[in-house]
Amino acid sequence: MEGVVDAIMRDMLTQIGGYDRCVTEFVRVSQTVLPKRVFFRLWPELLTDGCTPAGTPVYVQLLGSDPALMARNAQVAEALGAPGIDINFGCPAKTVNKSEGGAALLRTPERIRTVCAAVRDAVSPSIPVTAKIRLGFDSDEHFEAIVDAATSTGITELIVHARTRQQGYRPPAYWPRLAAARQRSPVPVIANGELWSVSDIEQCHRDSGCTDFMLARGALCRPDLAQAIRAHSAQKPFDPMGWQRVQPLLLEFMHRNAERYEPKYAVNPLKQWLVYLQHYFPQAGALFAQVKRIKEFDDMERALLGRPPRLDEAA
């Protein structure tokens, strides 16, 4: 979720509610111990005790393959006040995998073991260390070995995206495979992948036995999804968020991005979010078609407010 689920989005989603914790965009660990400014840039919640303004803890996510460097960067994160540390073995991006990061390590479970063990041993036992994996790289043939490698190190939880790296994000997700992970894992297993609705959560639970879930794209498509899941679980009435409640969030998201970065950098994240929202809200698809060629902040603001375009733009 790099580039969309930043601190601003984490704040907005946790204000809506339903989340136990968040995870940062990945912090790339490749050749050095990163300076503190890198952590603060990707993880500004450090200034508020590692939590969003709503009080939701935010774990830092480290991505790398060098056990010693991962351990040393984990120590930096702990010193800065990390509520927890997550290790990314799931990113399928080719550029990341070519440099032996993310899902590339799924090909060699022993490397997952050494990275997890190094990070776990480097920080205080009181700091949760979690790891996110996939079913495998090209296939799920070695899935059980990957699970064993990660969970034999003392990590706190294992998050499993129920697809291989080769399958990417193409449906379906293979939730029944998570049942095997649960049976052999000494730590809780959290399900991830293709969770778009309350009914998806129910089916994933039936297939996998998992009782905890990580929401990713589904949360961007439907900002109140976590709330809806909790209400359904508690058998409480729930008023779904309609488009009229989402529209003001678009303007807020863009304005806050403009304040944090620069106005010229606020337009593209807004478009990215609209691409996700259109899966649940048809109005978002219509709006995206209207604004997809807009490049200027002021023009996008006018479109979001429903105002006519400037004369030079109309011409």
C-alpha atoms as a PDB file:
ATOM      1  CA  MET A   1       0.000   0.000   0.000  1.00  0.00           C
ATOM      2  CA  GLU A   2       3.008   2.234  -0.541  1.00  0.00           C
ATOM      3  CA  GLY A   3       2.126   5.773  -1.554  1.00  0.00           C
ATOM      4  CA  VAL A   4      -1.491   5.703  -0.353  1.00  0.00           C
ATOM      5  CA  VAL A   5      -1.642   4.426   3.223  1.00  0.00           C
ATOM      6  CA  ASP A   6       0.636   7.083   4.679  1.00  0.00           C
ATOM      7  CA  ALA A   7       0.283   8.773   8.059  1.00  0.00           C
ATOM      8  CA  ILE A   8      -2.561  10.947   6.792  1.00  0.00           C
ATOM      9  CA  MET A   9      -4.568   7.983   5.567  1.00  0.00           C
ATOM     10  CA  ARG A  10      -3.795   6.031   8.743  1.00  0.00           C
ATOM     11  CA  ASP A  11      -5.129   8.932  10.780  1.00  0.00           C
ATOM     12  CA  MET A  12      -8.300   9.227   8.721  1.00  0.00           C
ATOM     13  CA  LEU A  13      -9.074   5.499   8.765  1.00  0.00           C
ATOM     14  CA  THR A  14      -8.423   5.086  12.488  1.00  0.00           C
ATOM     15  CA  GLN A  15     -10.585   8.129  13.240  1.00  0.00           C
ATOM     16  CA  ILE A  16     -13.400   6.263  11.499  1.00  0.00           C
ATOM     17  CA  GLY A  17     -12.500   3.337  13.726  1.00  0.00           C
ATOM     18  CA  GLY A  18     -12.393  -0.417  14.033  1.00  0.00           C
ATOM     19  CA  TYR A  19      -8.626  -1.032  13.918  1.00  0.00           C
ATOM     20  CA  ASP A  20      -6.421  -2.559  16.601  1.00  0.00           C
ATOM     21  CA  ARG A  21      -3.226  -1.338  14.951  1.00  0.00           C
ATOM     22  CA  CYS A  22      -1.660  -0.056  11.752  1.00  0.00           C
ATOM     23  CA  VAL A  23       1.610  -0.740   9.945  1.00  0.00           C
ATOM     24  CA  THR A  24       3.729   1.848   8.160  1.00  0.00           C
ATOM     25  CA  GLU A  25       4.715   1.767   4.528  1.00  0.00           C
ATOM     26  CA  PHE A  26       7.874  -0.297   4.287  1.00  0.00           C
ATOM     27  CA  VAL A  27      11.170   1.150   5.424  1.00  0.00           C
ATOM     28  CA  ARG A  28      13.777  -0.194   2.989  1.00  0.00           C
ATOM     29  CA  VAL A  29      16.878  -1.571   4.699  1.00  0.00           C
ATOM     30  CA  SER A  30      19.605  -2.266   2.180  1.00  0.00           C
ATOM     31  CA  GLN A  31      23.121  -0.980   2.898  1.00  0.00           C
ATOM     32  CA  THR A  32      23.204   1.025   6.100  1.00  0.00           C
ATOM     33  CA  VAL A  33      21.654   1.880   9.421  1.00  0.00           C
ATOM     34  CA  LEU A  34      19.098   4.462   8.456  1.00  0.00           C
ATOM     35  CA  PRO A  35      19.162   7.948   9.999  1.00  0.00           C
ATOM     36  CA  LYS A  36      16.344   8.884  12.315  1.00  0.00           C
ATOM     37  CA  ARG A  37      14.908  11.322   9.785  1.00  0.00           C
ATOM     38  CA  VAL A  38      13.954   8.423   7.487  1.00  0.00           C
ATOM     39  CA  PHE A  39      11.896   6.840  10.237  1.00  0.00           C
ATOM     40  CA  PHE A  40      10.231  10.137  11.143  1.00  0.00           C
ATOM     41  CA  ARG A  41       9.380  10.835   7.490  1.00  0.00           C
ATOM     42  CA  LEU A  42       7.573   7.529   6.992  1.00  0.00           C
ATOM     43  CA  TRP A  43       6.411   7.235  10.577  1.00  0.00           C
ATOM     44  CA  PRO A  44       5.496  10.680  11.970  1.00  0.00           C
ATOM     45  CA  GLU A  45       3.362   8.968  14.618  1.00  0.00           C
ATOM     46  CA  LEU A  46       6.632   8.669  16.545  1.00  0.00           C
ATOM     47  CA  LEU A  47       5.905  12.226  17.662  1.00  0.00           C
ATOM     48  CA  THR A  48       2.699  10.979  19.332  1.00  0.00           C
ATOM     49  CA  ASP A  49       4.042   7.921  21.177  1.00  0.00           C
ATOM     50  CA  GLY A  50       3.874   5.724  18.086  1.00  0.00           C
ATOM     51  CA  CYS A  51       0.095   6.047  17.758  1.00  0.00           C
ATOM     52  CA  THR A  52      -2.312   7.768  15.415  1.00  0.00           C
ATOM     53  CA  PRO A  53      -4.266  10.706  16.900  1.00  0.00           C
ATOM     54  CA  ALA A  54      -7.081   8.217  17.553  1.00  0.00           C
ATOM     55  CA  GLY A  55      -4.707   6.242  19.798  1.00  0.00           C
ATOM     56  CA  THR A  56      -4.127   3.305  17.429  1.00  0.00           C
ATOM     57  CA  PRO A  57      -0.568   1.880  17.647  1.00  0.00           C
ATOM     58  CA  VAL A  58       1.500   1.996  14.460  1.00  0.00           C
ATOM     59  CA  TYR A  59       4.154  -0.699  13.955  1.00  0.00           C
ATOM     60  CA  VAL A  60       7.131   0.134  11.747  1.00  0.00           C
ATOM     61  CA  GLN A  61       7.564  -2.206   8.782  1.00  0.00           C
ATOM     62  CA  LEU A  62      11.126  -3.128   7.816  1.00  0.00           C
ATOM     63  CA  LEU A  63      11.971  -4.651   4.439  1.00  0.00           C
ATOM     64  CA  GLY A  64      15.398  -6.145   3.821  1.00  0.00           C
ATOM     65  CA  SER A  65      17.438  -9.324   3.642  1.00  0.00           C
ATOM     66  CA  ASP A  66      20.604  -8.611   5.662  1.00  0.00           C
ATOM     67  CA  PRO A  67      20.010 -10.001   9.178  1.00  0.00           C
ATOM     68  CA  ALA A  68      22.580  -7.761  10.879  1.00  0.00           C
ATOM     69  CA  LEU A  69      21.337  -4.582   9.199  1.00  0.00           C
ATOM     70  CA  MET A  70      17.713  -5.473   9.859  1.00  0.00           C
ATOM     71  CA  ALA A  71      18.580  -6.032  13.513  1.00  0.00           C
ATOM     72  CA  ARG A  72      20.434  -2.741  13.870  1.00  0.00           C
ATOM     73  CA  ASN A  73      17.612  -0.791  12.218  1.00  0.00           C
ATOM     74  CA  ALA A  74      15.123  -2.536  14.473  1.00  0.00           C
ATOM     75  CA  GLN A  75      17.132  -1.268  17.428  1.00  0.00           C
ATOM     76  CA  VAL A  76      16.899   2.272  16.055  1.00  0.00           C
ATOM     77  CA  ALA A  77      13.136   1.863  15.738  1.00  0.00           C
ATOM     78  CA  GLU A  78      12.901   0.607  19.309  1.00  0.00           C
ATOM     79  CA  ALA A  79      14.971   3.524  20.593  1.00  0.00           C
ATOM     80  CA  LEU A  80      12.628   5.926  18.803  1.00  0.00           C
ATOM     81  CA  GLY A  81       9.617   4.419  20.592  1.00  0.00           C
ATOM     82  CA  ALA A  82       8.272   1.721  18.284  1.00  0.00           C
ATOM     83  CA  PRO A  83       5.121   0.013  19.643  1.00  0.00           C
ATOM     84  CA  GLY A  84       6.074  -2.956  17.441  1.00  0.00           C
ATOM     85  CA  ILE A  85       8.104  -4.061  14.422  1.00  0.00           C
ATOM     86  CA  ASP A  86       6.789  -5.834  11.345  1.00  0.00           C
ATOM     87  CA  ILE A  87       9.017  -7.602   8.797  1.00  0.00           C
ATOM     88  CA  ASN A  88       7.915  -7.595   5.164  1.00  0.00           C
ATOM     89  CA  PHE A  89       8.412 -10.847   3.274  1.00  0.00           C
ATOM     90  CA  GLY A  90       5.374 -10.295   1.085  1.00  0.00           C
ATOM     91  CA  CYS A  91       6.034  -7.386  -1.284  1.00  0.00           C
ATOM     92  CA  PRO A  92       5.746  -8.733  -4.872  1.00  0.00           C
ATOM     93  CA  ALA A  93       7.219  -5.670  -6.639  1.00  0.00           C
ATOM     94  CA  LYS A  94       9.843  -6.701  -9.198  1.00  0.00           C
ATOM     95  CA  THR A  95      12.186  -3.854  -8.295  1.00  0.00           C
ATOM     96  CA  VAL A  96      12.098  -4.908  -4.642  1.00  0.00           C
ATOM     97  CA  ASN A  97      12.478  -8.615  -5.400  1.00  0.00           C
ATOM     98  CA  LYS A  98      15.425  -8.030  -7.764  1.00  0.00           C
ATOM     99  CA  SER A  99      17.352  -6.537  -4.863  1.00  0.00           C
ATOM    100  CA  GLU A 100      16.493  -9.503  -2.649  1.00  0.00           C
ATOM    101  CA  GLY A 101      13.744  -7.808  -0.663  1.00  0.00           C
ATOM    102  CA  GLY A 102      10.154  -8.647   0.175  1.00  0.00           C
ATOM    103  CA  ALA A 103       8.779 -11.840  -1.373  1.00  0.00           C
ATOM    104  CA  ALA A 104      12.171 -12.802  -2.833  1.00  0.00           C
ATOM    105  CA  LEU A 105      13.082 -14.385   0.509  1.00  0.00           C
ATOM    106  CA  LEU A 106      10.185 -16.832   0.203  1.00  0.00           C
ATOM    107  CA  ARG A 107      12.407 -18.883  -2.101  1.00  0.00           C
ATOM    108  CA  THR A 108      14.775 -19.623   0.790  1.00  0.00           C
ATOM    109  CA  PRO A 109      12.948 -20.189   4.088  1.00  0.00           C
ATOM    110  CA  GLU A 110      16.229 -20.338   5.996  1.00  0.00           C
ATOM    111  CA  ARG A 111      16.859 -16.685   5.140  1.00  0.00           C
ATOM    112  CA  ILE A 112      13.467 -15.813   6.599  1.00  0.00           C
ATOM    113  CA  ARG A 113      14.475 -17.656   9.746  1.00  0.00           C
ATOM    114  CA  THR A 114      17.755 -15.759  10.113  1.00  0.00           C
ATOM    115  CA  VAL A 115      16.178 -12.340   9.523  1.00  0.00           C
ATOM    116  CA  CYS A 116      13.324 -12.972  11.959  1.00  0.00           C
ATOM    117  CA  ALA A 117      15.708 -14.357  14.584  1.00  0.00           C
ATOM    118  CA  ALA A 118      18.082 -11.413  14.220  1.00  0.00           C
ATOM    119  CA  VAL A 119      15.329  -8.833  14.636  1.00  0.00           C
ATOM    120  CA  ARG A 120      13.670 -10.718  17.491  1.00  0.00           C
ATOM    121  CA  ASP A 121      16.957 -11.031  19.382  1.00  0.00           C
ATOM    122  CA  ALA A 122      17.931  -7.414  18.754  1.00  0.00           C
ATOM    123  CA  VAL A 123      15.013  -5.761  20.526  1.00  0.00           C
ATOM    124  CA  SER A 124      13.442  -6.055  23.941  1.00  0.00           C
ATOM    125  CA  PRO A 125      11.168  -9.075  24.521  1.00  0.00           C
ATOM    126  CA  SER A 126       8.426  -6.585  25.337  1.00  0.00           C
ATOM    127  CA  ILE A 127       8.448  -5.246  21.757  1.00  0.00           C
ATOM    128  CA  PRO A 128       6.146  -7.268  19.477  1.00  0.00           C
ATOM    129  CA  VAL A 129       7.845  -8.520  16.310  1.00  0.00           C
ATOM    130  CA  THR A 130       5.541  -9.715  13.543  1.00  0.00           C
ATOM    131  CA  ALA A 131       6.242 -11.019  10.049  1.00  0.00           C
ATOM    132  CA  LYS A 132       4.177 -10.953   6.878  1.00  0.00           C
ATOM    133  CA  ILE A 133       4.599 -13.706   4.302  1.00  0.00           C
ATOM    134  CA  ARG A 134       2.853 -15.150   1.251  1.00  0.00           C
ATOM    135  CA  LEU A 135       2.128 -18.777   0.416  1.00  0.00           C
ATOM    136  CA  GLY A 136       5.374 -18.945  -1.542  1.00  0.00           C
ATOM    137  CA  PHE A 137       7.191 -17.413  -4.477  1.00  0.00           C
ATOM    138  CA  ASP A 138       6.378 -19.388  -7.633  1.00  0.00           C
ATOM    139  CA  SER A 139       4.156 -21.932  -5.860  1.00  0.00           C
ATOM    140  CA  ASP A 140       2.941 -22.869  -2.374  1.00  0.00           C
ATOM    141  CA  GLU A 141       5.012 -26.062  -2.334  1.00  0.00           C
ATOM    142  CA  HIS A 142       7.200 -24.833   0.525  1.00  0.00           C
ATOM    143  CA  PHE A 143       4.528 -22.929   2.442  1.00  0.00           C
ATOM    144  CA  GLU A 144       4.779 -25.063   5.566  1.00  0.00           C
ATOM    145  CA  ALA A 145       8.569 -24.665   5.607  1.00  0.00           C
ATOM    146  CA  ILE A 146       8.177 -20.884   5.349  1.00  0.00           C
ATOM    147  CA  VAL A 147       5.714 -20.872   8.247  1.00  0.00           C
ATOM    148  CA  ASP A 148       8.040 -22.999  10.369  1.00  0.00           C
ATOM    149  CA  ALA A 149      11.040 -20.818   9.545  1.00  0.00           C
ATOM    150  CA  ALA A 150       9.307 -17.630  10.625  1.00  0.00           C
ATOM    151  CA  THR A 151       7.513 -18.914  13.708  1.00  0.00           C
ATOM    152  CA  SER A 152      10.451 -20.840  15.162  1.00  0.00           C
ATOM    153  CA  THR A 153      12.184 -17.567  16.021  1.00  0.00           C
ATOM    154  CA  GLY A 154       9.958 -16.206  18.756  1.00  0.00           C
ATOM    155  CA  ILE A 155       8.043 -13.691  16.667  1.00  0.00           C
ATOM    156  CA  THR A 156       4.731 -12.547  18.108  1.00  0.00           C
ATOM    157  CA  GLU A 157       2.375 -13.087  15.168  1.00  0.00           C
ATOM    158  CA  LEU A 158       2.430 -14.246  11.570  1.00  0.00           C
ATOM    159  CA  ILE A 159       0.435 -12.450   8.867  1.00  0.00           C
ATOM    160  CA  VAL A 160      -0.213 -14.492   5.746  1.00  0.00           C
ATOM    161  CA  HIS A 161      -1.294 -13.068   2.405  1.00  0.00           C
ATOM    162  CA  ALA A 162      -3.076 -16.094   0.964  1.00  0.00           C
ATOM    163  CA  ARG A 163      -1.456 -15.972  -2.485  1.00  0.00           C
ATOM    164  CA  THR A 164       1.987 -16.610  -3.894  1.00  0.00           C
ATOM    165  CA  ARG A 165       4.211 -13.905  -5.252  1.00  0.00           C
ATOM    166  CA  GLN A 166       3.517 -15.192  -8.778  1.00  0.00           C
ATOM    167  CA  GLN A 167      -0.240 -14.855  -8.186  1.00  0.00           C
ATOM    168  CA  GLY A 168       0.278 -11.259  -7.093  1.00  0.00           C
ATOM    169  CA  TYR A 169      -3.108  -9.722  -6.350  1.00  0.00           C
ATOM    170  CA  ARG A 170      -5.169 -11.771  -8.797  1.00  0.00           C
ATOM    171  CA  PRO A 171      -8.252 -13.362  -7.251  1.00  0.00           C
ATOM    172  CA  PRO A 172      -8.937 -15.649  -5.606  1.00  0.00           C
ATOM    173  CA  ALA A 173      -7.048 -15.743  -2.351  1.00  0.00           C
ATOM    174  CA  TYR A 174      -6.488 -19.289  -1.100  1.00  0.00           C
ATOM    175  CA  TRP A 175      -7.797 -18.949   2.450  1.00  0.00           C
ATOM    176  CA  PRO A 176      -8.030 -22.719   3.141  1.00  0.00           C
ATOM    177  CA  ARG A 177      -4.208 -22.880   2.979  1.00  0.00           C
ATOM    178  CA  LEU A 178      -4.085 -20.732   6.105  1.00  0.00           C
ATOM    179  CA  ALA A 179      -5.642 -23.546   8.120  1.00  0.00           C
ATOM    180  CA  ALA A 180      -2.370 -25.470   7.736  1.00  0.00           C
ATOM    181  CA  ALA A 181      -0.438 -22.487   9.041  1.00  0.00           C
ATOM    182  CA  ARG A 182      -2.693 -22.204  12.065  1.00  0.00           C
ATOM    183  CA  GLN A 183      -2.301 -25.881  12.898  1.00  0.00           C
ATOM    184  CA  ARG A 184       1.490 -25.778  12.944  1.00  0.00           C
ATOM    185  CA  SER A 185       2.164 -22.218  14.138  1.00  0.00           C
ATOM    186  CA  PRO A 186       2.912 -21.596  17.826  1.00  0.00           C
ATOM    187  CA  VAL A 187       1.808 -17.977  17.385  1.00  0.00           C
ATOM    188  CA  PRO A 188      -1.433 -16.424  16.127  1.00  0.00           C
ATOM    189  CA  VAL A 189      -1.929 -16.349  12.350  1.00  0.00           C
ATOM    190  CA  ILE A 190      -3.570 -13.285  10.822  1.00  0.00           C
ATOM    191  CA  ALA A 191      -5.323 -13.648   7.465  1.00  0.00           C
ATOM    192  CA  ASN A 192      -4.787 -11.225   4.595  1.00  0.00           C
ATOM    193  CA  GLY A 193      -5.746 -11.090   0.947  1.00  0.00           C
ATOM    194  CA  GLU A 194      -8.983 -10.459  -0.968  1.00  0.00           C
ATOM    195  CA  LEU A 195     -10.863  -9.190   2.096  1.00  0.00           C
ATOM    196  CA  TRP A 196     -13.281  -6.664   0.654  1.00  0.00           C
ATOM    197  CA  SER A 197     -16.457  -7.127   2.713  1.00  0.00           C
ATOM    198  CA  VAL A 198     -18.014  -8.550   5.851  1.00  0.00           C
ATOM    199  CA  SER A 199     -19.031 -11.648   3.896  1.00  0.00           C
ATOM    200  CA  ASP A 200     -15.407 -12.117   2.798  1.00  0.00           C
ATOM    201  CA  ILE A 201     -14.312 -12.035   6.425  1.00  0.00           C
ATOM    202  CA  GLU A 202     -16.929 -14.651   7.313  1.00  0.00           C
ATOM    203  CA  GLN A 203     -15.870 -16.925   4.464  1.00  0.00           C
ATOM    204  CA  CYS A 204     -12.193 -16.497   5.278  1.00  0.00           C
ATOM    205  CA  HIS A 205     -12.921 -17.444   8.885  1.00  0.00           C
ATOM    206  CA  ARG A 206     -14.797 -20.570   7.782  1.00  0.00           C
ATOM    207  CA  ASP A 207     -12.036 -21.571   5.372  1.00  0.00           C
ATOM    208  CA  SER A 208      -9.024 -20.787   7.536  1.00  0.00           C
ATOM    209  CA  GLY A 209     -10.209 -20.704  11.133  1.00  0.00           C
ATOM    210  CA  CYS A 210      -8.484 -17.335  11.536  1.00  0.00           C
ATOM    211  CA  THR A 211     -10.089 -14.852  13.909  1.00  0.00           C
ATOM    212  CA  ASP A 212      -7.835 -11.887  13.124  1.00  0.00           C
ATOM    213  CA  PHE A 213      -7.580 -10.135   9.779  1.00  0.00           C
ATOM    214  CA  MET A 214      -5.391  -7.560   8.080  1.00  0.00           C
ATOM    215  CA  LEU A 215      -7.247  -5.179   5.794  1.00  0.00           C
ATOM    216  CA  ALA A 216      -5.392  -3.487   2.963  1.00  0.00           C
ATOM    217  CA  ARG A 217      -7.041  -2.583  -0.346  1.00  0.00           C
ATOM    218  CA  GLY A 218     -10.448  -3.305   1.141  1.00  0.00           C
ATOM    219  CA  ALA A 219      -9.963  -0.544   3.684  1.00  0.00           C
ATOM    220  CA  LEU A 220      -9.199   1.955   0.923  1.00  0.00           C
ATOM    221  CA  CYS A 221     -12.204   0.851  -1.111  1.00  0.00           C
ATOM    222  CA  ARG A 222     -14.517   1.110   1.879  1.00  0.00           C
ATOM    223  CA  PRO A 223     -13.236   3.365   4.683  1.00  0.00           C
ATOM    224  CA  ASP A 224     -15.720   2.005   7.235  1.00  0.00           C
ATOM    225  CA  LEU A 225     -15.005  -1.674   6.522  1.00  0.00           C
ATOM    226  CA  ALA A 226     -13.313  -2.344   9.874  1.00  0.00           C
ATOM    227  CA  GLN A 227     -16.226  -0.708  11.679  1.00  0.00           C
ATOM    228  CA  ALA A 228     -18.720  -2.777   9.694  1.00  0.00           C
ATOM    229  CA  ILE A 229     -16.865  -6.001  10.542  1.00  0.00           C
ATOM    230  CA  ARG A 230     -16.823  -5.187  14.254  1.00  0.00           C
ATOM    231  CA  ALA A 231     -20.508  -4.278  14.270  1.00  0.00           C
ATOM    232  CA  HIS A 232     -21.409  -7.508  12.502  1.00  0.00           C
ATOM    233  CA  SER A 233     -19.307  -9.545  14.915  1.00  0.00           C
ATOM    234  CA  ALA A 234     -21.001  -7.881  17.883  1.00  0.00           C
ATOM    235  CA  GLN A 235     -24.415  -8.239  16.214  1.00  0.00           C
ATOM    236  CA  LYS A 236     -24.970  -4.516  16.462  1.00  0.00           C
ATOM    237  CA  PRO A 237     -26.836  -2.322  13.981  1.00  0.00           C
ATOM    238  CA  PHE A 238     -24.583  -0.440  11.591  1.00  0.00           C
ATOM    239  CA  ASP A 239     -25.169   2.548   9.317  1.00  0.00           C
ATOM    240  CA  PRO A 240     -22.821   2.143   6.326  1.00  0.00           C
ATOM    241  CA  MET A 241     -20.855   5.136   5.166  1.00  0.00           C
ATOM    242  CA  GLY A 242     -22.433   6.535   2.023  1.00  0.00           C
ATOM    243  CA  TRP A 243     -20.814   8.595  -0.710  1.00  0.00           C
ATOM    244  CA  GLN A 244     -22.007  11.812   0.884  1.00  0.00           C
ATOM    245  CA  ARG A 245     -19.821  11.017   3.909  1.00  0.00           C
ATOM    246  CA  VAL A 246     -16.849   9.996   1.785  1.00  0.00           C
ATOM    247  CA  GLN A 247     -16.753  13.148  -0.365  1.00  0.00           C
ATOM    248  CA  PRO A 248     -15.521  15.465   2.420  1.00  0.00           C
ATOM    249  CA  LEU A 249     -12.748  12.965   3.185  1.00  0.00           C
ATOM    250  CA  LEU A 250     -11.392  13.361  -0.344  1.00  0.00           C
ATOM    251  CA  LEU A 251     -10.959  17.083   0.098  1.00  0.00           C
ATOM    252  CA  GLU A 252      -9.441  16.596   3.560  1.00  0.00           C
ATOM    253  CA  PHE A 253      -6.997  14.014   2.226  1.00  0.00           C
ATOM    254  CA  MET A 254      -5.821  16.274  -0.563  1.00  0.00           C
ATOM    255  CA  HIS A 255      -5.499  19.374   1.631  1.00  0.00           C
ATOM    256  CA  ARG A 256      -3.540  17.517   4.287  1.00  0.00           C
ATOM    257  CA  ASN A 257      -1.192  16.090   1.678  1.00  0.00           C
ATOM    258  CA  ALA A 258      -0.676  19.603   0.329  1.00  0.00           C
ATOM    259  CA  GLU A 259       0.180  20.860   3.819  1.00  0.00           C
ATOM    260  CA  ARG A 260       2.572  18.008   4.569  1.00  0.00           C
ATOM    261  CA  TYR A 261       4.351  17.999   1.221  1.00  0.00           C
ATOM    262  CA  GLU A 262       3.506  20.539  -1.500  1.00  0.00           C
ATOM    263  CA  PRO A 263       0.262  21.197  -3.389  1.00  0.00           C
ATOM    264  CA  LYS A 264       1.727  19.760  -6.604  1.00  0.00           C
ATOM    265  CA  TYR A 265       2.267  16.413  -4.852  1.00  0.00           C
ATOM    266  CA  ALA A 266      -1.268  16.181  -3.441  1.00  0.00           C
ATOM    267  CA  VAL A 267      -3.153  15.407  -6.657  1.00  0.00           C
ATOM    268  CA  ASN A 268      -1.789  11.947  -7.494  1.00  0.00           C
ATOM    269  CA  PRO A 269      -2.446  10.323  -4.078  1.00  0.00           C
ATOM    270  CA  LEU A 270      -6.024  11.590  -4.360  1.00  0.00           C
ATOM    271  CA  LYS A 271      -6.374   9.930  -7.774  1.00  0.00           C
ATOM    272  CA  GLN A 272      -4.921   6.703  -6.397  1.00  0.00           C
ATOM    273  CA  TRP A 273      -7.508   6.668  -3.646  1.00  0.00           C
ATOM    274  CA  LEU A 274     -10.326   7.287  -6.117  1.00  0.00           C
ATOM    275  CA  VAL A 275      -9.187   4.241  -8.099  1.00  0.00           C
ATOM    276  CA  TYR A 276      -9.690   2.122  -4.983  1.00  0.00           C
ATOM    277  CA  LEU A 277     -12.940   3.799  -3.923  1.00  0.00           C
ATOM    278  CA  GLN A 278     -14.591   3.136  -7.280  1.00  0.00           C
ATOM    279  CA  HIS A 279     -14.682  -0.594  -6.454  1.00  0.00           C
ATOM    280  CA  TYR A 280     -17.307   0.157  -3.798  1.00  0.00           C
ATOM    281  CA  PHE A 281     -18.695   3.569  -4.775  1.00  0.00           C
ATOM    282  CA  PRO A 282     -19.802   4.048  -8.414  1.00  0.00           C
ATOM    283  CA  GLN A 283     -19.664   7.791  -7.823  1.00  0.00           C
ATOM    284  CA  ALA A 284     -15.916   7.538  -7.300  1.00  0.00           C
ATOM    285  CA  GLY A 285     -15.524   5.978 -10.743  1.00  0.00           C
ATOM    286  CA  ALA A 286     -17.467   8.818 -12.337  1.00  0.00           C
ATOM    287  CA  LEU A 287     -15.398  11.375 -10.443  1.00  0.00           C
ATOM    288  CA  PHE A 288     -12.138   9.700 -11.416  1.00  0.00           C
ATOM    289  CA  ALA A 289     -13.125   9.798 -15.091  1.00  0.00           C
ATOM    290  CA  GLN A 290     -13.722  13.507 -14.651  1.00  0.00           C
ATOM    291  CA  VAL A 291     -10.467  14.354 -12.879  1.00  0.00           C
ATOM    292  CA  LYS A 292      -7.928  11.765 -14.105  1.00  0.00           C
ATOM    293  CA  ARG A 293      -6.169  14.284 -16.359  1.00  0.00           C
ATOM    294  CA  ILE A 294      -6.070  17.080 -13.806  1.00  0.00           C
ATOM    295  CA  LYS A 295      -2.543  17.936 -12.671  1.00  0.00           C
ATOM    296  CA  GLU A 296      -2.963  21.152 -10.707  1.00  0.00           C
ATOM    297  CA  PHE A 297      -4.092  21.372  -7.087  1.00  0.00           C
ATOM    298  CA  ASP A 298      -6.495  24.278  -7.653  1.00  0.00           C
ATOM    299  CA  ASP A 299      -8.188  22.514 -10.554  1.00  0.00           C
ATOM    300  CA  MET A 300      -8.625  19.347  -8.514  1.00  0.00           C
ATOM    301  CA  GLU A 301     -10.025  21.325  -5.612  1.00  0.00           C
ATOM    302  CA  ARG A 302     -12.619  22.936  -7.896  1.00  0.00           C
ATOM    303  CA  ALA A 303     -13.631  19.534  -9.223  1.00  0.00           C
ATOM    304  CA  LEU A 304     -14.032  18.085  -5.727  1.00  0.00           C
ATOM    305  CA  LEU A 305     -16.155  21.064  -4.719  1.00  0.00           C
ATOM    306  CA  GLY A 306     -18.328  20.668  -7.800  1.00  0.00           C
ATOM    307  CA  ARG A 307     -17.328  24.000  -9.269  1.00  0.00           C
ATOM    308  CA  PRO A 308     -16.954  24.598 -13.005  1.00  0.00           C
ATOM    309  CA  PRO A 309     -13.414  24.419 -14.402  1.00  0.00           C
ATOM    310  CA  ARG A 310     -11.392  27.556 -14.969  1.00  0.00           C
ATOM    311  CA  LEU A 311     -11.844  29.168 -18.370  1.00  0.00           C
ATOM    312  CA  ASP A 312      -8.344  28.274 -19.543  1.00  0.00           C
ATOM    313  CA  GLU A 313      -8.922  24.660 -18.520  1.00  0.00           C
ATOM    314  CA  ALA A 314     -12.329  24.558 -20.205  1.00  0.00           C
ATOM    315  CA  ALA A 315     -10.828  25.922 -23.394  1.00  0.00           C
END
